[in-house]
Amino acid sequence: VQSKVSGGRLNAGEPVCLSNQQTIWLSVPAVNEHANIAISTGNGTGDLKIEYSNLGWPDGSNLHGWSDNAGNKECITVSSQANYWGYIKVSGSFENAAIVVDFDAEACRE
């Protein structure tokens, strides 16, 4: 059993369970080396929101994508990122949710 992630670095293609806290900051390396990236969340209960930026930590003014559906199923797809690091902010009230980032994917996971 893997421990829940409360922040830090994500590896592409590896789903992780998120800690039950209101805000989680995650970074993804080498996003500029791939044509597309897809960020998918799901599972668990509650209602989370995800925000993504290639310019630094998401602050509302620098977003390249965001997703705020009812529940925990969120999806962001972006292409042609200029910078090495991608930055993700997960916020809301949720339990037992998971996140995964996929490189060279044009759609999110179901």
PDB file of N, CA and C in Angstrom:
ATOM      1  N   VAL A   1       0.848  -1.190   0.000  1.00  0.00           N
ATOM      2  CA  VAL A   1       0.000   0.000   0.000  1.00  0.00           C
ATOM      3  C   VAL A   1       0.883   1.239   0.000  1.00  0.00           C
ATOM      4  N   GLN A   2       0.645   2.113  -0.949  1.00  0.00           N
ATOM      5  CA  GLN A   2       1.415   3.351  -1.002  1.00  0.00           C
ATOM      6  C   GLN A   2       0.772   4.401  -0.110  1.00  0.00           C
ATOM      7  N   SER A   3       1.598   5.248   0.472  1.00  0.00           N
ATOM      8  CA  SER A   3       1.060   6.318   1.297  1.00  0.00           C
ATOM      9  C   SER A   3       0.461   7.398   0.401  1.00  0.00           C
ATOM     10  N   LYS A   4      -0.455   8.162   0.963  1.00  0.00           N
ATOM     11  CA  LYS A   4      -1.098   9.223   0.195  1.00  0.00           C
ATOM     12  C   LYS A   4      -0.147  10.396   0.009  1.00  0.00           C
ATOM     13  N   VAL A   5      -0.287  11.052  -1.117  1.00  0.00           N
ATOM     14  CA  VAL A   5       0.600  12.146  -1.485  1.00  0.00           C
ATOM     15  C   VAL A   5       0.001  13.469  -1.013  1.00  0.00           C
ATOM     16  N   SER A   6       0.811  14.257  -0.305  1.00  0.00           N
ATOM     17  CA  SER A   6       0.351  15.558   0.185  1.00  0.00           C
ATOM     18  C   SER A   6       1.064  16.712  -0.514  1.00  0.00           C
ATOM     19  N   GLY A   7       1.899  16.382  -1.497  1.00  0.00           N
ATOM     20  CA  GLY A   7       2.627  17.397  -2.248  1.00  0.00           C
ATOM     21  C   GLY A   7       3.874  16.778  -2.845  1.00  0.00           C
ATOM     22  N   GLY A   8       4.554  17.530  -3.703  1.00  0.00           N
ATOM     23  CA  GLY A   8       5.808  17.056  -4.271  1.00  0.00           C
ATOM     24  C   GLY A   8       5.715  16.765  -5.750  1.00  0.00           C
ATOM     25  N   ARG A   9       6.559  15.840  -6.182  1.00  0.00           N
ATOM     26  CA  ARG A   9       6.734  15.573  -7.607  1.00  0.00           C
ATOM     27  C   ARG A   9       5.912  14.364  -8.050  1.00  0.00           C
ATOM     28  N   LEU A  10       5.263  14.498  -9.211  1.00  0.00           N
ATOM     29  CA  LEU A  10       4.534  13.385  -9.816  1.00  0.00           C
ATOM     30  C   LEU A  10       5.350  12.814 -10.964  1.00  0.00           C
ATOM     31  N   ASN A  11       5.328  11.510 -11.114  1.00  0.00           N
ATOM     32  CA  ASN A  11       5.926  10.858 -12.268  1.00  0.00           C
ATOM     33  C   ASN A  11       4.826  10.523 -13.266  1.00  0.00           C
ATOM     34  N   ALA A  12       5.045  10.837 -14.526  1.00  0.00           N
ATOM     35  CA  ALA A  12       4.039  10.593 -15.559  1.00  0.00           C
ATOM     36  C   ALA A  12       3.676   9.115 -15.612  1.00  0.00           C
ATOM     37  N   GLY A  13       2.385   8.855 -15.781  1.00  0.00           N
ATOM     38  CA  GLY A  13       1.903   7.494 -15.939  1.00  0.00           C
ATOM     39  C   GLY A  13       1.688   6.734 -14.649  1.00  0.00           C
ATOM     40  N   GLU A  14       1.997   7.348 -13.499  1.00  0.00           N
ATOM     41  CA  GLU A  14       1.856   6.678 -12.208  1.00  0.00           C
ATOM     42  C   GLU A  14       0.756   7.330 -11.381  1.00  0.00           C
ATOM     43  N   PRO A  15      -0.424   6.702 -11.298  1.00  0.00           N
ATOM     44  CA  PRO A  15      -1.496   7.257 -10.469  1.00  0.00           C
ATOM     45  C   PRO A  15      -1.098   7.251  -8.995  1.00  0.00           C
ATOM     46  N   VAL A  16      -1.484   8.295  -8.276  1.00  0.00           N
ATOM     47  CA  VAL A  16      -1.247   8.357  -6.838  1.00  0.00           C
ATOM     48  C   VAL A  16      -2.523   8.780  -6.127  1.00  0.00           C
ATOM     49  N   CYS A  17      -2.676   8.306  -4.894  1.00  0.00           N
ATOM     50  CA  CYS A  17      -3.790   8.727  -4.047  1.00  0.00           C
ATOM     51  C   CYS A  17      -3.411  10.032  -3.360  1.00  0.00           C
ATOM     52  N   LEU A  18      -4.376  10.928  -3.267  1.00  0.00           N
ATOM     53  CA  LEU A  18      -4.138  12.236  -2.676  1.00  0.00           C
ATOM     54  C   LEU A  18      -4.483  12.236  -1.195  1.00  0.00           C
ATOM     55  N   SER A  19      -3.677  12.929  -0.424  1.00  0.00           N
ATOM     56  CA  SER A  19      -3.940  13.125   0.993  1.00  0.00           C
ATOM     57  C   SER A  19      -5.235  13.922   1.151  1.00  0.00           C
ATOM     58  N   ASN A  20      -5.923  13.733   2.272  1.00  0.00           N
ATOM     59  CA  ASN A  20      -7.177  14.445   2.528  1.00  0.00           C
ATOM     60  C   ASN A  20      -6.873  15.806   3.144  1.00  0.00           C
ATOM     61  N   GLN A  21      -6.419  16.740   2.327  1.00  0.00           N
ATOM     62  CA  GLN A  21      -6.166  18.090   2.815  1.00  0.00           C
ATOM     63  C   GLN A  21      -6.702  19.068   1.788  1.00  0.00           C
ATOM     64  N   GLN A  22      -6.902  20.317   2.192  1.00  0.00           N
ATOM     65  CA  GLN A  22      -7.614  21.250   1.331  1.00  0.00           C
ATOM     66  C   GLN A  22      -6.826  21.703   0.116  1.00  0.00           C
ATOM     67  N   THR A  23      -5.506  21.814   0.224  1.00  0.00           N
ATOM     68  CA  THR A  23      -4.706  22.245  -0.917  1.00  0.00           C
ATOM     69  C   THR A  23      -3.462  21.373  -1.033  1.00  0.00           C
ATOM     70  N   ILE A  24      -3.205  20.878  -2.235  1.00  0.00           N
ATOM     71  CA  ILE A  24      -2.033  20.057  -2.514  1.00  0.00           C
ATOM     72  C   ILE A  24      -1.318  20.658  -3.722  1.00  0.00           C
ATOM     73  N   TRP A  25      -0.005  20.848  -3.586  1.00  0.00           N
ATOM     74  CA  TRP A  25       0.815  21.407  -4.662  1.00  0.00           C
ATOM     75  C   TRP A  25       1.677  20.296  -5.232  1.00  0.00           C
ATOM     76  N   LEU A  26       1.631  20.119  -6.554  1.00  0.00           N
ATOM     77  CA  LEU A  26       2.367  19.044  -7.217  1.00  0.00           C
ATOM     78  C   LEU A  26       3.130  19.594  -8.422  1.00  0.00           C
ATOM     79  N   SER A  27       4.288  19.023  -8.694  1.00  0.00           N
ATOM     80  CA  SER A  27       5.056  19.424  -9.876  1.00  0.00           C
ATOM     81  C   SER A  27       5.318  18.206 -10.752  1.00  0.00           C
ATOM     82  N   VAL A  28       5.435  18.460 -12.047  1.00  0.00           N
ATOM     83  CA  VAL A  28       5.668  17.402 -13.029  1.00  0.00           C
ATOM     84  C   VAL A  28       6.848  17.824 -13.898  1.00  0.00           C
ATOM     85  N   PRO A  29       7.923  17.011 -13.955  1.00  0.00           N
ATOM     86  CA  PRO A  29       9.081  17.384 -14.763  1.00  0.00           C
ATOM     87  C   PRO A  29       8.905  17.036 -16.240  1.00  0.00           C
ATOM     88  N   ALA A  30       9.657  17.728 -17.071  1.00  0.00           N
ATOM     89  CA  ALA A  30       9.820  17.411 -18.499  1.00  0.00           C
ATOM     90  C   ALA A  30       8.545  17.537 -19.326  1.00  0.00           C
ATOM     91  N   VAL A  31       7.630  18.426 -18.909  1.00  0.00           N
ATOM     92  CA  VAL A  31       6.393  18.580 -19.689  1.00  0.00           C
ATOM     93  C   VAL A  31       6.669  19.167 -21.074  1.00  0.00           C
ATOM     94  N   ASN A  32       7.773  19.896 -21.222  1.00  0.00           N
ATOM     95  CA  ASN A  32       8.088  20.510 -22.521  1.00  0.00           C
ATOM     96  C   ASN A  32       8.683  19.515 -23.514  1.00  0.00           C
ATOM     97  N   GLU A  33       8.926  18.289 -23.087  1.00  0.00           N
ATOM     98  CA  GLU A  33       9.500  17.274 -23.972  1.00  0.00           C
ATOM     99  C   GLU A  33       8.432  16.395 -24.624  1.00  0.00           C
ATOM    100  N   HIS A  34       7.160  16.752 -24.435  1.00  0.00           N
ATOM    101  CA  HIS A  34       6.058  15.931 -24.950  1.00  0.00           C
ATOM    102  C   HIS A  34       5.039  16.817 -25.654  1.00  0.00           C
ATOM    103  N   ALA A  35       4.393  16.257 -26.676  1.00  0.00           N
ATOM    104  CA  ALA A  35       3.430  17.027 -27.470  1.00  0.00           C
ATOM    105  C   ALA A  35       2.212  17.426 -26.644  1.00  0.00           C
ATOM    106  N   ASN A  36       1.727  16.503 -25.817  1.00  0.00           N
ATOM    107  CA  ASN A  36       0.527  16.751 -25.016  1.00  0.00           C
ATOM    108  C   ASN A  36       0.718  16.181 -23.623  1.00  0.00           C
ATOM    109  N   ILE A  37      -0.012  16.755 -22.671  1.00  0.00           N
ATOM    110  CA  ILE A  37      -0.131  16.125 -21.362  1.00  0.00           C
ATOM    111  C   ILE A  37      -1.596  16.148 -20.953  1.00  0.00           C
ATOM    112  N   ALA A  38      -2.000  15.107 -20.241  1.00  0.00           N
ATOM    113  CA  ALA A  38      -3.365  15.007 -19.728  1.00  0.00           C
ATOM    114  C   ALA A  38      -3.287  14.777 -18.225  1.00  0.00           C
ATOM    115  N   ILE A  39      -4.038  15.571 -17.481  1.00  0.00           N
ATOM    116  CA  ILE A  39      -4.097  15.457 -16.027  1.00  0.00           C
ATOM    117  C   ILE A  39      -5.497  14.979 -15.674  1.00  0.00           C
ATOM    118  N   SER A  40      -5.587  13.824 -15.019  1.00  0.00           N
ATOM    119  CA  SER A  40      -6.882  13.224 -14.688  1.00  0.00           C
ATOM    120  C   SER A  40      -6.982  13.008 -13.187  1.00  0.00           C
ATOM    121  N   THR A  41      -8.160  13.295 -12.628  1.00  0.00           N
ATOM    122  CA  THR A  41      -8.437  12.941 -11.238  1.00  0.00           C
ATOM    123  C   THR A  41      -9.736  12.163 -11.179  1.00  0.00           C
ATOM    124  N   GLY A  42      -9.930  11.439 -10.083  1.00  0.00           N
ATOM    125  CA  GLY A  42     -11.160  10.681  -9.904  1.00  0.00           C
ATOM    126  C   GLY A  42     -11.137   9.926  -8.598  1.00  0.00           C
ATOM    127  N   ASN A  43     -12.135   9.082  -8.418  1.00  0.00           N
ATOM    128  CA  ASN A  43     -12.295   8.232  -7.237  1.00  0.00           C
ATOM    129  C   ASN A  43     -12.646   9.047  -5.991  1.00  0.00           C
ATOM    130  N   GLY A  44     -12.986   8.327  -4.942  1.00  0.00           N
ATOM    131  CA  GLY A  44     -13.239   8.947  -3.658  1.00  0.00           C
ATOM    132  C   GLY A  44     -14.531   9.734  -3.600  1.00  0.00           C
ATOM    133  N   THR A  45     -14.617  10.555  -2.568  1.00  0.00           N
ATOM    134  CA  THR A  45     -15.795  11.374  -2.326  1.00  0.00           C
ATOM    135  C   THR A  45     -15.374  12.826  -2.176  1.00  0.00           C
ATOM    136  N   GLY A  46     -16.352  13.713  -2.255  1.00  0.00           N
ATOM    137  CA  GLY A  46     -16.092  15.135  -2.095  1.00  0.00           C
ATOM    138  C   GLY A  46     -16.123  15.863  -3.422  1.00  0.00           C
ATOM    139  N   ASP A  47     -15.438  17.002  -3.461  1.00  0.00           N
ATOM    140  CA  ASP A  47     -15.447  17.852  -4.650  1.00  0.00           C
ATOM    141  C   ASP A  47     -14.113  18.580  -4.732  1.00  0.00           C
ATOM    142  N   LEU A  48     -13.290  18.198  -5.709  1.00  0.00           N
ATOM    143  CA  LEU A  48     -11.997  18.859  -5.858  1.00  0.00           C
ATOM    144  C   LEU A  48     -11.938  19.652  -7.146  1.00  0.00           C
ATOM    145  N   LYS A  49     -10.942  20.524  -7.207  1.00  0.00           N
ATOM    146  CA  LYS A  49     -10.676  21.378  -8.363  1.00  0.00           C
ATOM    147  C   LYS A  49      -9.191  21.247  -8.678  1.00  0.00           C
ATOM    148  N   ILE A  50      -8.841  21.223  -9.964  1.00  0.00           N
ATOM    149  CA  ILE A  50      -7.426  21.227 -10.327  1.00  0.00           C
ATOM    150  C   ILE A  50      -7.120  22.426 -11.221  1.00  0.00           C
ATOM    151  N   GLU A  51      -5.925  22.994 -11.004  1.00  0.00           N
ATOM    152  CA  GLU A  51      -5.433  24.103 -11.804  1.00  0.00           C
ATOM    153  C   GLU A  51      -4.019  23.755 -12.257  1.00  0.00           C
ATOM    154  N   TYR A  52      -3.661  24.165 -13.472  1.00  0.00           N
ATOM    155  CA  TYR A  52      -2.350  23.831 -14.034  1.00  0.00           C
ATOM    156  C   TYR A  52      -1.704  25.069 -14.648  1.00  0.00           C
ATOM    157  N   SER A  53      -0.397  25.199 -14.421  1.00  0.00           N
ATOM    158  CA  SER A  53       0.376  26.256 -15.057  1.00  0.00           C
ATOM    159  C   SER A  53       1.747  25.730 -15.452  1.00  0.00           C
ATOM    160  N   ASN A  54       2.276  26.255 -16.552  1.00  0.00           N
ATOM    161  CA  ASN A  54       3.637  25.950 -16.988  1.00  0.00           C
ATOM    162  C   ASN A  54       4.580  27.102 -16.640  1.00  0.00           C
ATOM    163  N   LEU A  55       4.057  28.118 -15.963  1.00  0.00           N
ATOM    164  CA  LEU A  55       4.832  29.325 -15.659  1.00  0.00           C
ATOM    165  C   LEU A  55       5.244  29.423 -14.200  1.00  0.00           C
ATOM    166  N   GLY A  56       4.749  28.543 -13.353  1.00  0.00           N
ATOM    167  CA  GLY A  56       4.996  28.611 -11.914  1.00  0.00           C
ATOM    168  C   GLY A  56       3.774  28.086 -11.194  1.00  0.00           C
ATOM    169  N   TRP A  57       3.784  28.172  -9.867  1.00  0.00           N
ATOM    170  CA  TRP A  57       2.645  27.641  -9.115  1.00  0.00           C
ATOM    171  C   TRP A  57       1.370  28.375  -9.507  1.00  0.00           C
ATOM    172  N   PRO A  58       0.279  27.656  -9.746  1.00  0.00           N
ATOM    173  CA  PRO A  58      -0.978  28.290 -10.163  1.00  0.00           C
ATOM    174  C   PRO A  58      -1.454  29.327  -9.141  1.00  0.00           C
ATOM    175  N   ASP A  59      -1.752  30.530  -9.636  1.00  0.00           N
ATOM    176  CA  ASP A  59      -2.205  31.598  -8.743  1.00  0.00           C
ATOM    177  C   ASP A  59      -3.464  32.301  -9.255  1.00  0.00           C
ATOM    178  N   GLY A  60      -4.118  31.692 -10.244  1.00  0.00           N
ATOM    179  CA  GLY A  60      -5.334  32.292 -10.780  1.00  0.00           C
ATOM    180  C   GLY A  60      -5.089  33.171 -11.993  1.00  0.00           C
ATOM    181  N   SER A  61      -3.880  33.750 -12.113  1.00  0.00           N
ATOM    182  CA  SER A  61      -3.599  34.650 -13.235  1.00  0.00           C
ATOM    183  C   SER A  61      -2.677  34.024 -14.279  1.00  0.00           C
ATOM    184  N   ASN A  62      -2.097  32.847 -13.979  1.00  0.00           N
ATOM    185  CA  ASN A  62      -1.107  32.251 -14.885  1.00  0.00           C
ATOM    186  C   ASN A  62      -1.527  30.871 -15.391  1.00  0.00           C
ATOM    187  N   LEU A  63      -2.822  30.596 -15.385  1.00  0.00           N
ATOM    188  CA  LEU A  63      -3.289  29.237 -15.660  1.00  0.00           C
ATOM    189  C   LEU A  63      -3.253  28.885 -17.143  1.00  0.00           C
ATOM    190  N   HIS A  64      -2.809  27.670 -17.442  1.00  0.00           N
ATOM    191  CA  HIS A  64      -2.926  27.100 -18.782  1.00  0.00           C
ATOM    192  C   HIS A  64      -4.138  26.177 -18.880  1.00  0.00           C
ATOM    193  N   GLY A  65      -4.674  25.784 -17.738  1.00  0.00           N
ATOM    194  CA  GLY A  65      -5.867  24.947 -17.724  1.00  0.00           C
ATOM    195  C   GLY A  65      -6.395  24.797 -16.319  1.00  0.00           C
ATOM    196  N   TRP A  66      -7.702  24.568 -16.217  1.00  0.00           N
ATOM    197  CA  TRP A  66      -8.306  24.298 -14.926  1.00  0.00           C
ATOM    198  C   TRP A  66      -9.553  23.464 -15.145  1.00  0.00           C
ATOM    199  N   SER A  67      -9.980  22.759 -14.097  1.00  0.00           N
ATOM    200  CA  SER A  67     -11.163  21.910 -14.176  1.00  0.00           C
ATOM    201  C   SER A  67     -11.837  21.903 -12.815  1.00  0.00           C
ATOM    202  N   ASP A  68     -13.132  22.205 -12.803  1.00  0.00           N
ATOM    203  CA  ASP A  68     -13.878  22.301 -11.547  1.00  0.00           C
ATOM    204  C   ASP A  68     -15.288  21.752 -11.737  1.00  0.00           C
ATOM    205  N   ASN A  69     -15.369  20.455 -12.045  1.00  0.00           N
ATOM    206  CA  ASN A  69     -16.662  19.789 -12.172  1.00  0.00           C
ATOM    207  C   ASN A  69     -17.179  19.401 -10.789  1.00  0.00           C
ATOM    208  N   ALA A  70     -18.447  19.042 -10.708  1.00  0.00           N
ATOM    209  CA  ALA A  70     -18.976  18.491  -9.463  1.00  0.00           C
ATOM    210  C   ALA A  70     -18.307  17.144  -9.211  1.00  0.00           C
ATOM    211  N   GLY A  71     -17.935  16.871  -7.973  1.00  0.00           N
ATOM    212  CA  GLY A  71     -17.273  15.613  -7.644  1.00  0.00           C
ATOM    213  C   GLY A  71     -15.774  15.684  -7.876  1.00  0.00           C
ATOM    214  N   ASN A  72     -15.142  14.518  -7.993  1.00  0.00           N
ATOM    215  CA  ASN A  72     -13.682  14.447  -8.097  1.00  0.00           C
ATOM    216  C   ASN A  72     -13.167  14.138  -9.498  1.00  0.00           C
ATOM    217  N   LYS A  73     -14.060  13.979 -10.482  1.00  0.00           N
ATOM    218  CA  LYS A  73     -13.610  13.638 -11.832  1.00  0.00           C
ATOM    219  C   LYS A  73     -13.282  14.919 -12.594  1.00  0.00           C
ATOM    220  N   GLU A  74     -11.989  15.198 -12.696  1.00  0.00           N
ATOM    221  CA  GLU A  74     -11.528  16.407 -13.376  1.00  0.00           C
ATOM    222  C   GLU A  74     -10.570  16.033 -14.498  1.00  0.00           C
ATOM    223  N   CYS A  75     -10.426  16.939 -15.466  1.00  0.00           N
ATOM    224  CA  CYS A  75      -9.584  16.663 -16.632  1.00  0.00           C
ATOM    225  C   CYS A  75      -9.009  17.967 -17.167  1.00  0.00           C
ATOM    226  N   ILE A  76      -7.689  17.979 -17.376  1.00  0.00           N
ATOM    227  CA  ILE A  76      -7.028  19.085 -18.071  1.00  0.00           C
ATOM    228  C   ILE A  76      -6.133  18.477 -19.145  1.00  0.00           C
ATOM    229  N   THR A  77      -6.234  18.977 -20.369  1.00  0.00           N
ATOM    230  CA  THR A  77      -5.295  18.585 -21.422  1.00  0.00           C
ATOM    231  C   THR A  77      -4.644  19.851 -21.969  1.00  0.00           C
ATOM    232  N   VAL A  78      -3.334  19.804 -22.130  1.00  0.00           N
ATOM    233  CA  VAL A  78      -2.592  20.931 -22.683  1.00  0.00           C
ATOM    234  C   VAL A  78      -1.536  20.401 -23.643  1.00  0.00           C
ATOM    235  N   SER A  79      -1.113  21.261 -24.559  1.00  0.00           N
ATOM    236  CA  SER A  79      -0.091  20.854 -25.530  1.00  0.00           C
ATOM    237  C   SER A  79       0.974  21.934 -25.639  1.00  0.00           C
ATOM    238  N   SER A  80       2.103  21.556 -26.199  1.00  0.00           N
ATOM    239  CA  SER A  80       3.193  22.481 -26.537  1.00  0.00           C
ATOM    240  C   SER A  80       3.597  23.375 -25.367  1.00  0.00           C
ATOM    241  N   GLN A  81       4.004  22.763 -24.278  1.00  0.00           N
ATOM    242  CA  GLN A  81       4.454  23.522 -23.120  1.00  0.00           C
ATOM    243  C   GLN A  81       5.888  24.005 -23.331  1.00  0.00           C
ATOM    244  N   ALA A  82       6.170  25.252 -22.971  1.00  0.00           N
ATOM    245  CA  ALA A  82       7.478  25.856 -23.237  1.00  0.00           C
ATOM    246  C   ALA A  82       8.512  25.521 -22.166  1.00  0.00           C
ATOM    247  N   ASN A  83       8.076  25.356 -20.931  1.00  0.00           N
ATOM    248  CA  ASN A  83       8.999  25.205 -19.811  1.00  0.00           C
ATOM    249  C   ASN A  83       9.054  23.773 -19.293  1.00  0.00           C
ATOM    250  N   TYR A  84      10.155  23.429 -18.635  1.00  0.00           N
ATOM    251  CA  TYR A  84      10.420  22.058 -18.183  1.00  0.00           C
ATOM    252  C   TYR A  84       9.410  21.579 -17.139  1.00  0.00           C
ATOM    253  N   TRP A  85       9.094  22.427 -16.169  1.00  0.00           N
ATOM    254  CA  TRP A  85       8.212  22.021 -15.071  1.00  0.00           C
ATOM    255  C   TRP A  85       6.762  22.405 -15.329  1.00  0.00           C
ATOM    256  N   GLY A  86       5.862  21.499 -14.979  1.00  0.00           N
ATOM    257  CA  GLY A  86       4.442  21.792 -14.922  1.00  0.00           C
ATOM    258  C   GLY A  86       4.028  21.812 -13.467  1.00  0.00           C
ATOM    259  N   TYR A  87       3.102  22.692 -13.136  1.00  0.00           N
ATOM    260  CA  TYR A  87       2.702  22.885 -11.745  1.00  0.00           C
ATOM    261  C   TYR A  87       1.198  22.690 -11.595  1.00  0.00           C
ATOM    262  N   ILE A  88       0.808  21.905 -10.595  1.00  0.00           N
ATOM    263  CA  ILE A  88      -0.601  21.569 -10.384  1.00  0.00           C
ATOM    264  C   ILE A  88      -1.009  21.953  -8.970  1.00  0.00           C
ATOM    265  N   LYS A  89      -2.158  22.595  -8.864  1.00  0.00           N
ATOM    266  CA  LYS A  89      -2.778  22.877  -7.567  1.00  0.00           C
ATOM    267  C   LYS A  89      -4.073  22.082  -7.491  1.00  0.00           C
ATOM    268  N   VAL A  90      -4.200  21.266  -6.448  1.00  0.00           N
ATOM    269  CA  VAL A  90      -5.433  20.532  -6.179  1.00  0.00           C
ATOM    270  C   VAL A  90      -6.055  21.167  -4.949  1.00  0.00           C
ATOM    271  N   SER A  91      -7.330  21.537  -5.033  1.00  0.00           N
ATOM    272  CA  SER A  91      -7.976  22.171  -3.887  1.00  0.00           C
ATOM    273  C   SER A  91      -9.405  21.676  -3.753  1.00  0.00           C
ATOM    274  N   GLY A  92     -10.004  21.944  -2.595  1.00  0.00           N
ATOM    275  CA  GLY A  92     -11.376  21.541  -2.333  1.00  0.00           C
ATOM    276  C   GLY A  92     -11.468  20.676  -1.097  1.00  0.00           C
ATOM    277  N   SER A  93     -12.581  19.989  -0.977  1.00  0.00           N
ATOM    278  CA  SER A  93     -12.822  19.081   0.143  1.00  0.00           C
ATOM    279  C   SER A  93     -13.071  17.697  -0.436  1.00  0.00           C
ATOM    280  N   PHE A  94     -12.156  16.761  -0.177  1.00  0.00           N
ATOM    281  CA  PHE A  94     -12.235  15.454  -0.829  1.00  0.00           C
ATOM    282  C   PHE A  94     -11.538  14.401   0.014  1.00  0.00           C
ATOM    283  N   GLU A  95     -11.899  13.140  -0.222  1.00  0.00           N
ATOM    284  CA  GLU A  95     -11.257  12.007   0.435  1.00  0.00           C
ATOM    285  C   GLU A  95     -11.042  10.896  -0.578  1.00  0.00           C
ATOM    286  N   ASN A  96      -9.898  10.235  -0.480  1.00  0.00           N
ATOM    287  CA  ASN A  96      -9.577   9.049  -1.288  1.00  0.00           C
ATOM    288  C   ASN A  96      -9.608   9.308  -2.793  1.00  0.00           C
ATOM    289  N   ALA A  97      -9.262  10.523  -3.197  1.00  0.00           N
ATOM    290  CA  ALA A  97      -9.175  10.847  -4.621  1.00  0.00           C
ATOM    291  C   ALA A  97      -7.790  10.480  -5.145  1.00  0.00           C
ATOM    292  N   ALA A  98      -7.692  10.313  -6.462  1.00  0.00           N
ATOM    293  CA  ALA A  98      -6.420   9.972  -7.097  1.00  0.00           C
ATOM    294  C   ALA A  98      -6.162  10.923  -8.260  1.00  0.00           C
ATOM    295  N   ILE A  99      -4.867  11.067  -8.606  1.00  0.00           N
ATOM    296  CA  ILE A  99      -4.474  11.904  -9.738  1.00  0.00           C
ATOM    297  C   ILE A  99      -3.424  11.168 -10.558  1.00  0.00           C
ATOM    298  N   VAL A 100      -3.447  11.405 -11.867  1.00  0.00           N
ATOM    299  CA  VAL A 100      -2.406  10.858 -12.745  1.00  0.00           C
ATOM    300  C   VAL A 100      -2.151  11.856 -13.870  1.00  0.00           C
ATOM    301  N   VAL A 101      -0.893  11.959 -14.264  1.00  0.00           N
ATOM    302  CA  VAL A 101      -0.499  12.777 -15.412  1.00  0.00           C
ATOM    303  C   VAL A 101       0.034  11.837 -16.484  1.00  0.00           C
ATOM    304  N   ASP A 102      -0.487  11.961 -17.693  1.00  0.00           N
ATOM    305  CA  ASP A 102      -0.039  11.128 -18.811  1.00  0.00           C
ATOM    306  C   ASP A 102       0.575  12.011 -19.885  1.00  0.00           C
ATOM    307  N   PHE A 103       1.767  11.629 -20.351  1.00  0.00           N
ATOM    308  CA  PHE A 103       2.417  12.332 -21.453  1.00  0.00           C
ATOM    309  C   PHE A 103       1.933  11.773 -22.788  1.00  0.00           C
ATOM    310  N   ASP A 104       1.921  12.641 -23.807  1.00  0.00           N
ATOM    311  CA  ASP A 104       1.531  12.265 -25.169  1.00  0.00           C
ATOM    312  C   ASP A 104       0.145  11.637 -25.218  1.00  0.00           C
ATOM    313  N   ALA A 105      -0.730  12.119 -24.347  1.00  0.00           N
ATOM    314  CA  ALA A 105      -2.124  11.654 -24.315  1.00  0.00           C
ATOM    315  C   ALA A 105      -3.007  12.832 -24.700  1.00  0.00           C
ATOM    316  N   GLU A 106      -3.914  12.606 -25.631  1.00  0.00           N
ATOM    317  CA  GLU A 106      -4.786  13.688 -26.078  1.00  0.00           C
ATOM    318  C   GLU A 106      -6.089  13.739 -25.300  1.00  0.00           C
ATOM    319  N   ALA A 107      -6.318  12.729 -24.444  1.00  0.00           N
ATOM    320  CA  ALA A 107      -7.542  12.698 -23.646  1.00  0.00           C
ATOM    321  C   ALA A 107      -7.213  12.206 -22.244  1.00  0.00           C
ATOM    322  N   CYS A 108      -8.057  12.570 -21.311  1.00  0.00           N
ATOM    323  CA  CYS A 108      -7.891  12.118 -19.930  1.00  0.00           C
ATOM    324  C   CYS A 108      -8.338  10.673 -19.778  1.00  0.00           C
ATOM    325  N   ARG A 109      -7.938  10.063 -18.674  1.00  0.00           N
ATOM    326  CA  ARG A 109      -8.382   8.704 -18.362  1.00  0.00           C
ATOM    327  C   ARG A 109      -9.831   8.735 -17.903  1.00  0.00           C
ATOM    328  N   GLU A 110     -10.532   7.664 -18.196  1.00  0.00           N
ATOM    329  CA  GLU A 110     -11.935   7.556 -17.757  1.00  0.00           C
ATOM    330  C   GLU A 110     -12.004   7.111 -16.317  1.00  0.00           C
TER     331      GLU A 110
END
